[in-house]
Amino acid sequence: MKISEIKELSTADLLERIDTEKTMMVRMKLNHAITPLDNPQKLKQLKITIARLMTELRSRELNEKSK
């Protein structure tokens, strides 16, 4: 997910997306432990996406707090 797409999301959508991505990551880790994934880089990409979402959420919180 690109940063421009993340910035277009509302705060509620961001929170929902973070929960969804974290759930998907837990499932992927469990599946990877049982049978290796075809592309283990997907775990890394998912972790980066979650970090981007959380960074945007935090920046919005700081912007609201400073106003």
N, C-alpha and C. Protein backbone atom coordinates (compact mmCIF):
# COMPACT_ATOMS: atom_id res chain seq x y z
N MET A 1 0.84 -1.16 0.00
CA MET A 1 0.00 0.00 0.00
C MET A 1 0.90 1.24 0.00
N LYS A 2 0.60 2.15 -0.90
CA LYS A 2 1.42 3.34 -1.04
C LYS A 2 1.03 4.39 0.01
N ILE A 3 1.96 5.27 0.29
CA ILE A 3 1.74 6.31 1.28
C ILE A 3 0.61 7.24 0.85
N SER A 4 0.51 7.51 -0.43
CA SER A 4 -0.56 8.39 -0.92
C SER A 4 -1.93 7.75 -0.67
N GLU A 5 -2.03 6.44 -0.80
CA GLU A 5 -3.29 5.74 -0.53
C GLU A 5 -3.61 5.79 0.96
N ILE A 6 -2.59 5.69 1.79
CA ILE A 6 -2.79 5.70 3.24
C ILE A 6 -3.29 7.06 3.70
N LYS A 7 -2.74 8.12 3.13
CA LYS A 7 -3.13 9.47 3.53
C LYS A 7 -4.57 9.79 3.16
N GLU A 8 -5.12 9.10 2.16
CA GLU A 8 -6.49 9.33 1.74
C GLU A 8 -7.51 8.70 2.68
N LEU A 9 -7.08 7.73 3.49
CA LEU A 9 -7.99 7.03 4.39
C LEU A 9 -8.38 7.92 5.57
N SER A 10 -9.59 7.71 6.07
CA SER A 10 -10.00 8.42 7.27
C SER A 10 -9.36 7.73 8.48
N THR A 11 -9.44 8.37 9.62
CA THR A 11 -8.83 7.82 10.83
C THR A 11 -9.50 6.51 11.22
N ALA A 12 -10.81 6.43 11.10
CA ALA A 12 -11.53 5.19 11.42
C ALA A 12 -11.11 4.07 10.48
N ASP A 13 -10.98 4.40 9.19
CA ASP A 13 -10.53 3.40 8.23
C ASP A 13 -9.10 2.95 8.51
N LEU A 14 -8.27 3.89 8.97
CA LEU A 14 -6.90 3.54 9.32
C LEU A 14 -6.87 2.52 10.45
N LEU A 15 -7.66 2.78 11.49
CA LEU A 15 -7.70 1.86 12.62
C LEU A 15 -8.20 0.48 12.20
N GLU A 16 -9.22 0.47 11.37
CA GLU A 16 -9.77 -0.80 10.88
C GLU A 16 -8.74 -1.54 10.03
N ARG A 17 -8.04 -0.81 9.21
CA ARG A 17 -7.04 -1.42 8.33
C ARG A 17 -5.87 -1.99 9.13
N ILE A 18 -5.46 -1.28 10.19
CA ILE A 18 -4.38 -1.76 11.05
C ILE A 18 -4.78 -3.09 11.69
N ASP A 19 -6.00 -3.16 12.21
CA ASP A 19 -6.48 -4.41 12.82
C ASP A 19 -6.50 -5.54 11.80
N THR A 20 -6.98 -5.26 10.61
CA THR A 20 -7.06 -6.27 9.56
C THR A 20 -5.67 -6.77 9.18
N GLU A 21 -4.74 -5.84 9.00
CA GLU A 21 -3.38 -6.22 8.60
C GLU A 21 -2.68 -7.01 9.69
N LYS A 22 -2.88 -6.63 10.96
CA LYS A 22 -2.26 -7.37 12.06
C LYS A 22 -2.81 -8.79 12.13
N THR A 23 -4.11 -8.94 11.93
CA THR A 23 -4.73 -10.27 11.94
C THR A 23 -4.17 -11.11 10.80
N MET A 24 -4.04 -10.51 9.63
CA MET A 24 -3.51 -11.22 8.48
C MET A 24 -2.05 -11.64 8.72
N MET A 25 -1.29 -10.78 9.40
CA MET A 25 0.10 -11.11 9.67
C MET A 25 0.21 -12.30 10.62
N VAL A 26 -0.64 -12.34 11.64
CA VAL A 26 -0.64 -13.47 12.57
C VAL A 26 -0.96 -14.76 11.83
N ARG A 27 -1.95 -14.71 10.96
CA ARG A 27 -2.31 -15.89 10.17
C ARG A 27 -1.17 -16.34 9.27
N MET A 28 -0.53 -15.37 8.62
CA MET A 28 0.56 -15.71 7.71
C MET A 28 1.73 -16.32 8.47
N LYS A 29 2.04 -15.78 9.66
CA LYS A 29 3.13 -16.34 10.46
C LYS A 29 2.82 -17.77 10.88
N LEU A 30 1.57 -18.02 11.27
CA LEU A 30 1.17 -19.36 11.66
C LEU A 30 1.25 -20.31 10.48
N ASN A 31 0.75 -19.89 9.34
CA ASN A 31 0.81 -20.72 8.13
C ASN A 31 2.26 -20.97 7.72
N HIS A 32 3.10 -19.95 7.89
CA HIS A 32 4.50 -20.10 7.51
C HIS A 32 5.22 -21.09 8.45
N ALA A 33 4.81 -21.14 9.70
CA ALA A 33 5.41 -22.07 10.64
C ALA A 33 5.03 -23.51 10.30
N ILE A 34 3.82 -23.70 9.80
CA ILE A 34 3.35 -25.05 9.46
C ILE A 34 3.91 -25.49 8.12
N THR A 35 3.64 -24.71 7.10
CA THR A 35 4.18 -24.99 5.77
C THR A 35 4.79 -23.70 5.24
N PRO A 36 6.02 -23.72 4.79
CA PRO A 36 6.68 -22.49 4.32
C PRO A 36 5.89 -21.80 3.20
N LEU A 37 5.89 -20.49 3.26
CA LEU A 37 5.22 -19.70 2.23
C LEU A 37 6.04 -19.74 0.95
N ASP A 38 5.35 -19.54 -0.17
CA ASP A 38 6.04 -19.48 -1.45
C ASP A 38 6.97 -18.28 -1.49
N ASN A 39 6.51 -17.16 -0.95
CA ASN A 39 7.29 -15.93 -0.95
C ASN A 39 7.34 -15.37 0.47
N PRO A 40 8.38 -15.70 1.26
CA PRO A 40 8.44 -15.21 2.63
C PRO A 40 8.61 -13.69 2.74
N GLN A 41 8.93 -13.03 1.63
CA GLN A 41 9.05 -11.57 1.64
C GLN A 41 7.70 -10.90 1.88
N LYS A 42 6.61 -11.64 1.69
CA LYS A 42 5.29 -11.08 1.95
C LYS A 42 5.14 -10.68 3.41
N LEU A 43 5.76 -11.45 4.31
CA LEU A 43 5.73 -11.11 5.74
C LEU A 43 6.41 -9.77 5.98
N LYS A 44 7.54 -9.57 5.34
CA LYS A 44 8.27 -8.32 5.50
C LYS A 44 7.46 -7.15 4.94
N GLN A 45 6.87 -7.33 3.78
CA GLN A 45 6.06 -6.28 3.17
C GLN A 45 4.85 -5.94 4.04
N LEU A 46 4.25 -6.95 4.64
CA LEU A 46 3.09 -6.73 5.49
C LEU A 46 3.49 -5.95 6.74
N LYS A 47 4.65 -6.27 7.29
CA LYS A 47 5.14 -5.57 8.47
C LYS A 47 5.41 -4.10 8.14
N ILE A 48 5.95 -3.84 6.97
CA ILE A 48 6.23 -2.46 6.54
C ILE A 48 4.93 -1.70 6.34
N THR A 49 3.93 -2.35 5.77
CA THR A 49 2.63 -1.71 5.57
C THR A 49 2.00 -1.33 6.90
N ILE A 50 2.08 -2.23 7.88
CA ILE A 50 1.53 -1.95 9.21
C ILE A 50 2.25 -0.76 9.82
N ALA A 51 3.57 -0.71 9.67
CA ALA A 51 4.34 0.41 10.21
C ALA A 51 3.94 1.73 9.55
N ARG A 52 3.71 1.70 8.25
CA ARG A 52 3.28 2.92 7.54
C ARG A 52 1.92 3.40 8.04
N LEU A 53 1.00 2.45 8.24
CA LEU A 53 -0.32 2.81 8.73
C LEU A 53 -0.23 3.41 10.14
N MET A 54 0.55 2.80 10.99
CA MET A 54 0.68 3.29 12.36
C MET A 54 1.39 4.64 12.41
N THR A 55 2.34 4.85 11.52
CA THR A 55 3.03 6.14 11.45
C THR A 55 2.07 7.25 11.05
N GLU A 56 1.24 6.99 10.07
CA GLU A 56 0.25 7.98 9.64
C GLU A 56 -0.74 8.28 10.76
N LEU A 57 -1.17 7.24 11.47
CA LEU A 57 -2.10 7.43 12.58
C LEU A 57 -1.46 8.29 13.66
N ARG A 58 -0.22 8.01 13.98
CA ARG A 58 0.49 8.78 15.01
C ARG A 58 0.69 10.22 14.58
N SER A 59 1.00 10.46 13.34
CA SER A 59 1.19 11.83 12.87
C SER A 59 -0.13 12.61 12.94
N ARG A 60 -1.22 11.94 12.67
CA ARG A 60 -2.53 12.60 12.79
C ARG A 60 -2.83 12.94 14.24
N GLU A 61 -2.49 12.04 15.16
CA GLU A 61 -2.70 12.30 16.58
C GLU A 61 -1.88 13.50 17.03
N LEU A 62 -0.64 13.58 16.58
CA LEU A 62 0.21 14.69 16.97
C LEU A 62 -0.28 16.00 16.38
N ASN A 63 -0.80 15.98 15.15
CA ASN A 63 -1.34 17.18 14.52
C ASN A 63 -2.56 17.68 15.27
N GLU A 64 -3.42 16.78 15.69
CA GLU A 64 -4.61 17.17 16.45
C GLU A 64 -4.22 17.74 17.82
N LYS A 65 -3.23 17.13 18.41
CA LYS A 65 -2.79 17.54 19.74
C LYS A 65 -2.15 18.94 19.71
N SER A 66 -1.43 19.24 18.65
CA SER A 66 -0.74 20.52 18.55
C SER A 66 -1.69 21.67 18.22
N LYS A 67 -2.86 21.37 17.69
CA LYS A 67 -3.82 22.42 17.32
C LYS A 67 -4.54 22.98 18.48
